[in-house]
Amino acid sequence: MKNFKVLLTLFLLFIVSCSESMKSNSSTNYLEPSTPLILISIDGFRWDYFNKTDTPNFDRIINNGIQAEGLKTVYPSKTFPNHISIITGNYPSNHGIISNYFYDPSFDEYYYIGAGSVAAQDGKWIQAEPIWVTVEKQLKRAMIMFWPMSDAEIEGIRPSEYYVYSDSPTNISRMEQLLKWLDLEGTNRPTFLASYFSIVDTIGHRYGPNSQEVVDSIKDVDDAIGHLLDGLDKRGLMNEVNLVIVSDHGMVDTPADQIINIADYINLDDVVTIGGGPFMEIRPNGNDIETIYQQLQNIEHTQVYKKDDFPAKFNYSNNDRIEPIIFIANEGWSIQKPGRNPSPGSHGYDPDYKSMDGIFIARGPAFKENFKGPVIQNIHLYEMMCSLMNINPAQNDGSLDETKVFLKQN
């Protein structure tokens, strides 16, 4: 009896553990699914990384589908702002996730990212509708094996199935989960599926974008994509599913000898600083914005702006979470506090730098074959994806017209 109780306890703990990692909704009466759309993000995969090594599985997509010359980021070219722009079609000032780390004056709280982030799992922070909410509202299923904020309840809605973010699952296992979801039948089958790889970004930061380690990480992700393609082929789904692969931003070398020490120009006791590296946002402790602004004028390799004067091309001013002063570095330079050094690779710079471009490749019944198209901005993908799934988009800043060049029916 004692052994039975031990086994029962272990079994219950296993069930609890599984429920903590994968969650599901089951009470909605769903409609028949549309042609499935798979969206995969490869964090930090720069537009030209395909040229660094052989990528036979990416080539299987590109040769039978489309490739943009690049996917232009929104500002700032950071992970969460761009992932949320991709799945809402909005600029960060409109969807609210203005950076990976920021302060909200109405909440009097800081938003931050990372495995286990309470803020990133709280839907109160997002101010626009993600595509999985759009899908679920229209009685089709969304199932997500990691995407920034996909484990948050937003507008009272969650994906039909989703995973709380963890670094543990392998890239192959993430693809295997997508295939398992595609094996579901009838109204249990998802219309929208998504997943996310972090490895290329992690390695790019650690070793720089031109390192052998980045080449190795590209090969690892190519292998995982190959597992997905083989699984689709085995199921006879290769031409029955639309597959879109994107990245959120690129990467550039950030040498340790290209540092702007912020303490050389302002007294840090007089301000609150948010961020560092490619840019730093600054909030004076008092109301003396002008003094701090003037102290940061004419510093080599930088530009400084008041929030209201930030260049219109950035679409980055109309949100209370943006601080009064925005101090930005030129490509490859880093703004740091004393004692801080940049990682060998970074991103977050002006999206007009080509090094910040990500990727957009796709294949499936909706896409042209062996077609190379222009650079597009990532806010336009939401409208395209809604069109592919035959659902009505929510309010957004994008346009379907910008992506029609890649589609068979344009």
Protein backbone atom coordinates (compact mmCIF):
# COMPACT_ATOMS: atom_id res chain seq x y z
CA MET A 1 0.00 0.00 0.00
CA LYS A 2 2.84 2.38 0.81
CA ASN A 3 4.39 1.81 -2.64
CA PHE A 4 1.00 2.39 -4.26
CA LYS A 5 0.65 5.76 -2.46
CA VAL A 6 4.12 6.78 -3.56
CA LEU A 7 3.36 5.86 -7.17
CA LEU A 8 0.02 7.68 -7.02
CA THR A 9 1.72 10.79 -5.65
CA LEU A 10 4.34 10.71 -8.37
CA PHE A 11 1.65 10.26 -11.01
CA LEU A 12 -0.33 13.25 -9.72
CA LEU A 13 2.81 15.38 -9.64
CA PHE A 14 3.47 14.41 -13.26
CA ILE A 15 -0.05 15.45 -14.27
CA VAL A 16 0.34 18.80 -12.48
CA SER A 17 3.72 19.36 -14.13
CA CYS A 18 2.25 18.71 -17.58
CA SER A 19 -0.66 21.04 -16.94
CA GLU A 20 1.73 23.80 -15.91
CA SER A 21 3.61 23.59 -19.21
CA MET A 22 0.76 23.09 -21.68
CA LYS A 23 -2.62 24.71 -21.17
CA SER A 24 -5.80 24.26 -23.17
CA ASN A 25 -9.30 25.64 -23.63
CA SER A 26 -12.11 23.17 -24.26
CA SER A 27 -15.46 24.91 -23.63
CA THR A 28 -15.92 26.76 -26.95
CA ASN A 29 -17.95 25.37 -29.85
CA TYR A 30 -15.52 25.78 -32.74
CA LEU A 31 -16.16 25.98 -36.48
CA GLU A 32 -14.44 23.84 -39.09
CA PRO A 33 -10.81 24.97 -39.44
CA SER A 34 -9.42 26.85 -42.42
CA THR A 35 -6.24 25.86 -44.27
CA PRO A 36 -3.70 25.68 -41.43
CA LEU A 37 -1.15 28.48 -41.13
CA ILE A 38 2.13 27.77 -39.33
CA LEU A 39 4.10 30.82 -38.17
CA ILE A 40 7.65 30.28 -36.91
CA SER A 41 10.02 32.94 -35.59
CA ILE A 42 13.78 32.50 -35.43
CA ASP A 43 14.93 35.17 -33.01
CA GLY A 44 17.89 37.21 -34.27
CA PHE A 45 18.15 35.53 -37.68
CA ARG A 46 19.66 38.28 -39.83
CA TRP A 47 18.51 38.68 -43.44
CA ASP A 48 21.81 37.37 -44.88
CA TYR A 49 22.37 34.38 -42.57
CA PHE A 50 21.28 32.00 -45.36
CA ASN A 51 24.55 32.93 -47.08
CA LYS A 52 26.75 31.87 -44.17
CA THR A 53 26.35 28.12 -44.59
CA ASP A 54 24.41 25.42 -46.43
CA THR A 55 20.76 25.46 -45.39
CA PRO A 56 19.15 22.62 -47.36
CA ASN A 57 15.87 22.73 -45.47
CA PHE A 58 15.40 26.47 -45.69
CA ASP A 59 16.19 26.04 -49.39
CA ARG A 60 13.29 23.58 -49.67
CA ILE A 61 11.00 26.41 -48.59
CA ILE A 62 12.60 29.18 -50.63
CA ASN A 63 12.85 27.16 -53.87
CA ASN A 64 9.21 26.14 -53.64
CA GLY A 65 7.93 29.38 -52.17
CA ILE A 66 8.88 33.01 -51.60
CA GLN A 67 11.71 34.98 -50.03
CA ALA A 68 11.71 38.70 -49.24
CA GLU A 69 14.97 40.62 -49.53
CA GLY A 70 14.49 41.34 -45.85
CA LEU A 71 11.91 41.90 -43.13
CA LYS A 72 12.24 45.42 -41.82
CA THR A 73 11.79 45.85 -38.09
CA VAL A 74 9.85 48.45 -36.19
CA TYR A 75 11.71 50.69 -33.76
CA PRO A 76 13.23 49.65 -31.45
CA SER A 77 14.61 46.59 -33.19
CA LYS A 78 14.23 44.50 -30.04
CA THR A 79 12.66 41.08 -29.54
CA PHE A 80 9.33 41.73 -27.84
CA PRO A 81 8.32 44.93 -29.65
CA ASN A 82 8.83 43.21 -33.01
CA HIS A 83 7.22 39.91 -32.13
CA ILE A 84 4.15 41.78 -30.95
CA SER A 85 4.16 43.97 -34.07
CA ILE A 86 4.23 40.83 -36.25
CA ILE A 87 1.17 39.34 -34.55
CA THR A 88 -0.85 42.57 -34.12
CA GLY A 89 0.14 44.56 -37.20
CA ASN A 90 0.77 47.58 -34.99
CA TYR A 91 3.73 49.81 -34.19
CA PRO A 92 4.97 49.50 -30.58
CA SER A 93 3.52 52.90 -29.65
CA ASN A 94 0.10 51.43 -30.53
CA HIS A 95 0.44 47.89 -29.15
CA GLY A 96 2.16 49.08 -25.98
CA ILE A 97 5.16 46.70 -25.78
CA ILE A 98 7.61 49.49 -26.52
CA SER A 99 10.75 47.59 -25.52
CA ASN A 100 11.97 44.50 -23.68
CA TYR A 101 12.09 46.57 -20.50
CA PHE A 102 10.12 49.71 -19.72
CA TYR A 103 8.11 51.57 -17.09
CA ASP A 104 4.37 52.21 -17.10
CA PRO A 105 3.47 55.33 -15.08
CA SER A 106 -0.21 54.39 -14.66
CA PHE A 107 0.64 50.93 -13.29
CA ASP A 108 3.75 52.23 -11.51
CA GLU A 109 5.37 48.98 -12.60
CA TYR A 110 8.17 47.80 -14.87
CA TYR A 111 7.66 45.41 -17.75
CA TYR A 112 10.44 42.87 -18.29
CA ILE A 113 11.00 39.70 -20.29
CA GLY A 114 12.58 36.31 -19.74
CA ALA A 115 11.51 32.82 -18.72
CA GLY A 116 9.29 33.16 -15.67
CA SER A 117 8.50 36.85 -16.23
CA VAL A 118 5.24 37.66 -14.46
CA ALA A 119 4.80 40.82 -16.54
CA ALA A 120 5.17 38.99 -19.87
CA GLN A 121 2.38 36.61 -18.80
CA ASP A 122 0.00 39.45 -17.92
CA GLY A 123 -2.31 40.60 -20.70
CA LYS A 124 -2.85 44.03 -19.13
CA TRP A 125 0.37 45.22 -20.76
CA ILE A 126 -0.67 44.70 -24.38
CA GLN A 127 -2.81 47.36 -26.05
CA ALA A 128 -3.66 45.65 -29.36
CA GLU A 129 -5.18 42.34 -30.42
CA PRO A 130 -2.78 39.44 -31.19
CA ILE A 131 -3.61 37.17 -34.07
CA TRP A 132 -4.37 34.18 -31.85
CA VAL A 133 -7.09 36.25 -30.15
CA THR A 134 -8.43 37.25 -33.59
CA VAL A 135 -8.51 33.55 -34.55
CA GLU A 136 -10.20 32.40 -31.36
CA LYS A 137 -12.79 35.19 -31.49
CA GLN A 138 -13.87 33.89 -34.88
CA LEU A 139 -14.31 30.36 -33.53
CA LYS A 140 -11.20 28.79 -34.99
CA ARG A 141 -8.41 27.25 -32.95
CA ALA A 142 -4.96 28.70 -32.27
CA MET A 143 -2.23 26.49 -30.79
CA ILE A 144 1.15 27.89 -29.86
CA MET A 145 4.40 26.26 -28.79
CA PHE A 146 5.96 29.55 -27.55
CA TRP A 147 5.56 33.07 -28.88
CA PRO A 148 6.13 36.19 -26.78
CA MET A 149 3.02 36.82 -24.64
CA SER A 150 1.10 33.83 -26.03
CA ASP A 151 0.82 32.52 -22.46
CA ALA A 152 -1.02 35.67 -21.31
CA GLU A 153 -4.78 36.03 -21.11
CA ILE A 154 -5.67 38.90 -23.45
CA GLU A 155 -9.21 40.28 -23.70
CA GLY A 156 -10.22 37.28 -21.60
CA ILE A 157 -9.02 34.92 -24.34
CA ARG A 158 -6.17 32.42 -24.64
CA PRO A 159 -5.13 30.08 -27.45
CA SER A 160 -6.92 26.71 -27.48
CA GLU A 161 -3.57 25.17 -26.47
CA TYR A 162 -0.36 26.90 -25.51
CA TYR A 163 2.83 26.42 -23.55
CA VAL A 164 4.16 28.60 -20.77
CA TYR A 165 7.57 29.68 -22.02
CA SER A 166 10.60 27.61 -21.08
CA ASP A 167 14.08 27.31 -22.58
CA SER A 168 14.06 23.54 -22.01
CA PRO A 169 12.21 22.01 -25.00
CA THR A 170 14.53 21.31 -27.93
CA ASN A 171 14.00 22.84 -31.34
CA ILE A 172 13.05 19.41 -32.69
CA SER A 173 10.48 18.87 -29.94
CA ARG A 174 8.88 22.23 -30.74
CA MET A 175 8.40 21.14 -34.34
CA GLU A 176 7.12 17.75 -33.23
CA GLN A 177 4.41 19.45 -31.17
CA LEU A 178 3.22 21.40 -34.22
CA LEU A 179 2.95 18.13 -36.13
CA LYS A 180 0.98 16.51 -33.31
CA TRP A 181 -1.48 19.38 -33.36
CA LEU A 182 -1.91 18.96 -37.13
CA ASP A 183 -2.84 15.32 -36.50
CA LEU A 184 -5.99 16.48 -34.68
CA GLU A 185 -9.22 16.05 -36.60
CA GLY A 186 -12.40 18.00 -37.24
CA THR A 187 -13.05 21.05 -35.13
CA ASN A 188 -10.23 20.02 -32.78
CA ARG A 189 -7.70 20.86 -35.48
CA PRO A 190 -6.01 24.27 -35.30
CA THR A 191 -6.18 26.89 -38.01
CA PHE A 192 -3.26 28.88 -36.58
CA LEU A 193 -0.07 27.31 -35.18
CA ALA A 194 3.05 29.11 -34.03
CA SER A 195 6.45 28.43 -32.52
CA TYR A 196 9.69 30.19 -31.70
CA PHE A 197 13.44 29.48 -31.66
CA SER A 198 15.74 31.55 -29.43
CA ILE A 199 19.10 29.89 -30.15
CA VAL A 200 20.35 32.06 -33.04
CA ASP A 201 19.77 35.28 -31.09
CA THR A 202 21.38 33.88 -27.93
CA ILE A 203 24.49 32.80 -29.82
CA GLY A 204 24.63 36.04 -31.81
CA HIS A 205 24.74 38.06 -28.61
CA ARG A 206 27.31 35.79 -27.02
CA TYR A 207 29.77 35.44 -29.90
CA GLY A 208 28.82 38.06 -32.49
CA PRO A 209 27.03 37.63 -35.83
CA ASN A 210 30.16 36.64 -37.76
CA SER A 211 31.21 33.80 -35.48
CA GLN A 212 31.43 30.10 -36.23
CA GLU A 213 29.05 29.56 -33.31
CA VAL A 214 26.34 31.49 -35.19
CA VAL A 215 26.94 29.32 -38.25
CA ASP A 216 26.46 26.23 -36.07
CA SER A 217 23.22 27.62 -34.65
CA ILE A 218 21.90 28.28 -38.17
CA LYS A 219 22.55 24.63 -39.01
CA ASP A 220 20.76 23.51 -35.82
CA VAL A 221 17.65 25.48 -36.74
CA ASP A 222 17.79 24.27 -40.34
CA ASP A 223 17.76 20.70 -39.02
CA ALA A 224 14.67 21.46 -36.92
CA ILE A 225 12.89 22.98 -39.91
CA GLY A 226 13.82 19.83 -41.83
CA HIS A 227 12.08 17.75 -39.15
CA LEU A 228 8.93 19.82 -39.64
CA LEU A 229 9.06 19.56 -43.44
CA ASP A 230 9.64 15.81 -43.31
CA GLY A 231 6.69 15.46 -40.96
CA LEU A 232 4.45 17.48 -43.26
CA ASP A 233 5.59 15.43 -46.24
CA LYS A 234 4.97 12.15 -44.43
CA ARG A 235 1.42 13.28 -43.64
CA GLY A 236 0.75 14.45 -47.19
CA LEU A 237 0.37 18.02 -45.93
CA MET A 238 3.28 19.73 -47.65
CA ASN A 239 0.97 21.51 -50.10
CA GLU A 240 -2.01 21.69 -47.73
CA VAL A 241 -0.46 24.02 -45.14
CA ASN A 242 0.82 27.59 -45.43
CA LEU A 243 4.19 27.89 -43.66
CA VAL A 244 5.61 31.32 -42.82
CA ILE A 245 9.04 31.76 -41.24
CA VAL A 246 10.17 35.15 -39.95
CA SER A 247 12.66 36.73 -37.60
CA ASP A 248 12.21 39.71 -35.35
CA HIS A 249 15.45 41.57 -36.13
CA GLY A 250 19.04 41.15 -37.24
CA MET A 251 22.34 41.51 -35.37
CA VAL A 252 25.52 43.58 -35.60
CA ASP A 253 28.99 43.41 -34.02
CA THR A 254 29.28 45.65 -30.94
CA PRO A 255 32.99 45.95 -30.08
CA ALA A 256 34.06 46.64 -26.50
CA ASP A 257 36.01 49.70 -27.66
CA GLN A 258 32.88 51.41 -29.06
CA ILE A 259 31.25 52.54 -25.83
CA ILE A 260 29.64 55.85 -24.83
CA ASN A 261 29.78 56.12 -21.04
CA ILE A 262 26.60 57.96 -20.08
CA ALA A 263 28.12 59.05 -16.76
CA ASP A 264 30.67 61.16 -18.65
CA TYR A 265 27.86 63.48 -19.72
CA ILE A 266 25.12 63.51 -17.06
CA ASN A 267 24.86 62.95 -13.31
CA LEU A 268 23.09 59.61 -12.95
CA ASP A 269 21.68 60.73 -9.59
CA ASP A 270 19.57 63.25 -11.49
CA VAL A 271 17.81 60.74 -13.76
CA VAL A 272 16.23 57.34 -14.17
CA THR A 273 17.71 55.44 -17.10
CA ILE A 274 15.88 52.69 -18.96
CA GLY A 275 17.87 50.29 -21.12
CA GLY A 276 21.33 50.60 -22.57
CA GLY A 277 23.37 49.47 -25.54
CA PRO A 278 21.85 50.68 -28.82
CA PHE A 279 19.65 53.20 -26.99
CA MET A 280 18.82 54.54 -23.56
CA GLU A 281 15.63 56.26 -22.48
CA ILE A 282 16.00 58.87 -19.76
CA ARG A 283 13.58 60.36 -17.22
CA PRO A 284 14.83 63.33 -15.19
CA ASN A 285 14.00 63.03 -11.50
CA GLY A 286 12.62 66.56 -11.61
CA ASN A 287 10.99 68.37 -14.49
CA ASP A 288 14.21 69.73 -15.94
CA ILE A 289 14.15 67.85 -19.24
CA GLU A 290 15.89 70.68 -21.07
CA THR A 291 19.06 70.59 -18.95
CA ILE A 292 19.58 66.85 -19.43
CA TYR A 293 18.74 67.15 -23.11
CA GLN A 294 21.35 69.88 -23.63
CA GLN A 295 24.01 67.88 -21.78
CA LEU A 296 23.58 65.07 -24.32
CA GLN A 297 23.92 67.26 -27.39
CA ASN A 298 26.71 66.80 -29.96
CA ILE A 299 28.16 63.59 -28.53
CA GLU A 300 30.05 61.67 -31.18
CA HIS A 301 28.33 58.50 -32.51
CA THR A 302 24.97 59.40 -30.92
CA GLN A 303 21.78 61.38 -31.43
CA VAL A 304 19.48 62.65 -28.71
CA TYR A 305 15.81 63.57 -29.00
CA LYS A 306 12.98 64.75 -26.86
CA LYS A 307 10.08 62.32 -27.10
CA ASP A 308 7.86 64.79 -28.96
CA ASP A 309 10.63 65.49 -31.48
CA PHE A 310 11.58 61.91 -32.24
CA PRO A 311 11.72 61.48 -36.04
CA ALA A 312 8.35 60.55 -37.55
CA LYS A 313 9.90 57.60 -39.44
CA PHE A 314 10.21 55.72 -36.15
CA ASN A 315 6.46 55.89 -35.33
CA TYR A 316 7.57 56.04 -31.72
CA SER A 317 6.21 58.88 -29.61
CA ASN A 318 2.51 58.45 -28.89
CA ASN A 319 2.60 56.36 -25.72
CA ASP A 320 2.99 57.28 -22.05
CA ARG A 321 5.49 54.44 -21.60
CA ILE A 322 8.06 56.22 -23.80
CA GLU A 323 10.38 58.34 -21.65
CA PRO A 324 10.92 62.11 -22.19
CA ILE A 325 14.45 61.76 -23.62
CA ILE A 326 15.62 59.13 -26.12
CA PHE A 327 19.39 58.78 -26.54
CA ILE A 328 20.41 56.53 -29.43
CA ALA A 329 23.76 55.18 -30.60
CA ASN A 330 25.02 54.77 -34.13
CA GLU A 331 25.28 51.27 -35.56
CA GLY A 332 27.73 49.14 -33.57
CA TRP A 333 28.12 51.65 -30.72
CA SER A 334 26.84 51.08 -27.20
CA ILE A 335 25.57 53.47 -24.53
CA GLN A 336 26.50 52.06 -21.14
CA LYS A 337 26.60 52.89 -17.46
CA PRO A 338 29.99 52.66 -15.72
CA GLY A 339 31.22 49.08 -15.34
CA ARG A 340 28.98 47.72 -18.08
CA ASN A 341 30.30 46.30 -21.34
CA PRO A 342 28.35 45.33 -24.44
CA SER A 343 27.96 41.77 -25.59
CA PRO A 344 29.83 40.93 -28.83
CA GLY A 345 26.60 41.20 -30.83
CA SER A 346 23.51 43.34 -30.40
CA HIS A 347 20.39 44.84 -31.98
CA GLY A 348 17.94 47.62 -31.19
CA TYR A 349 19.33 50.16 -33.63
CA ASP A 350 17.61 52.30 -36.26
CA PRO A 351 15.62 49.91 -38.51
CA ASP A 352 17.11 51.65 -41.56
CA TYR A 353 20.41 49.89 -40.88
CA LYS A 354 20.40 46.82 -43.12
CA SER A 355 22.00 44.81 -40.31
CA MET A 356 18.70 45.05 -38.40
CA ASP A 357 16.66 43.34 -41.16
CA GLY A 358 15.20 39.95 -40.41
CA ILE A 359 13.81 37.27 -42.74
CA PHE A 360 10.47 36.46 -44.34
CA ILE A 361 10.20 33.20 -46.27
CA ALA A 362 7.08 31.15 -46.91
CA ARG A 363 5.59 28.31 -48.94
CA GLY A 364 2.20 26.71 -49.36
CA PRO A 365 -0.94 26.88 -51.50
CA ALA A 366 -1.29 30.66 -51.02
CA PHE A 367 2.25 31.61 -52.03
CA LYS A 368 4.05 31.96 -55.33
CA GLU A 369 6.85 29.51 -56.12
CA ASN A 370 10.55 30.35 -56.40
CA PHE A 371 9.76 34.05 -56.07
CA LYS A 372 12.09 36.71 -54.68
CA GLY A 373 10.34 39.84 -53.48
CA PRO A 374 11.16 43.21 -51.94
CA VAL A 375 11.88 44.17 -48.34
CA ILE A 376 8.64 44.66 -46.42
CA GLN A 377 7.97 45.91 -42.91
CA ASN A 378 6.78 43.37 -40.40
CA ILE A 379 3.58 45.25 -39.44
CA HIS A 380 2.07 44.13 -42.76
CA LEU A 381 2.20 40.40 -41.97
CA TYR A 382 -0.83 40.42 -39.65
CA GLU A 383 -3.24 41.47 -42.41
CA MET A 384 -1.72 38.86 -44.73
CA MET A 385 -2.06 36.08 -42.18
CA CYS A 386 -5.68 37.00 -41.45
CA SER A 387 -6.40 36.85 -45.17
CA LEU A 388 -4.76 33.40 -45.44
CA MET A 389 -6.99 32.10 -42.66
CA ASN A 390 -10.12 33.83 -43.98
CA ILE A 391 -10.70 35.82 -40.80
CA ASN A 392 -11.42 39.51 -40.27
CA PRO A 393 -8.43 41.48 -38.89
CA ALA A 394 -8.63 43.75 -35.87
CA GLN A 395 -7.57 47.39 -36.05
CA ASN A 396 -3.93 47.61 -37.12
CA ASP A 397 -1.30 49.78 -38.84
CA GLY A 398 -0.54 47.37 -41.68
CA SER A 399 -1.83 46.82 -45.20
CA LEU A 400 -2.59 43.66 -47.15
CA ASP A 401 -1.53 45.46 -50.31
CA GLU A 402 2.10 45.41 -49.13
CA THR A 403 2.27 41.60 -49.13
CA LYS A 404 0.12 40.78 -52.17
CA VAL A 405 3.23 40.58 -54.36
CA PHE A 406 4.13 37.31 -52.59
CA LEU A 407 0.71 35.69 -53.02
CA LYS A 408 -0.67 33.68 -55.93
CA GLN A 409 -3.97 35.57 -55.79
CA ASN A 410 -2.98 39.22 -55.72
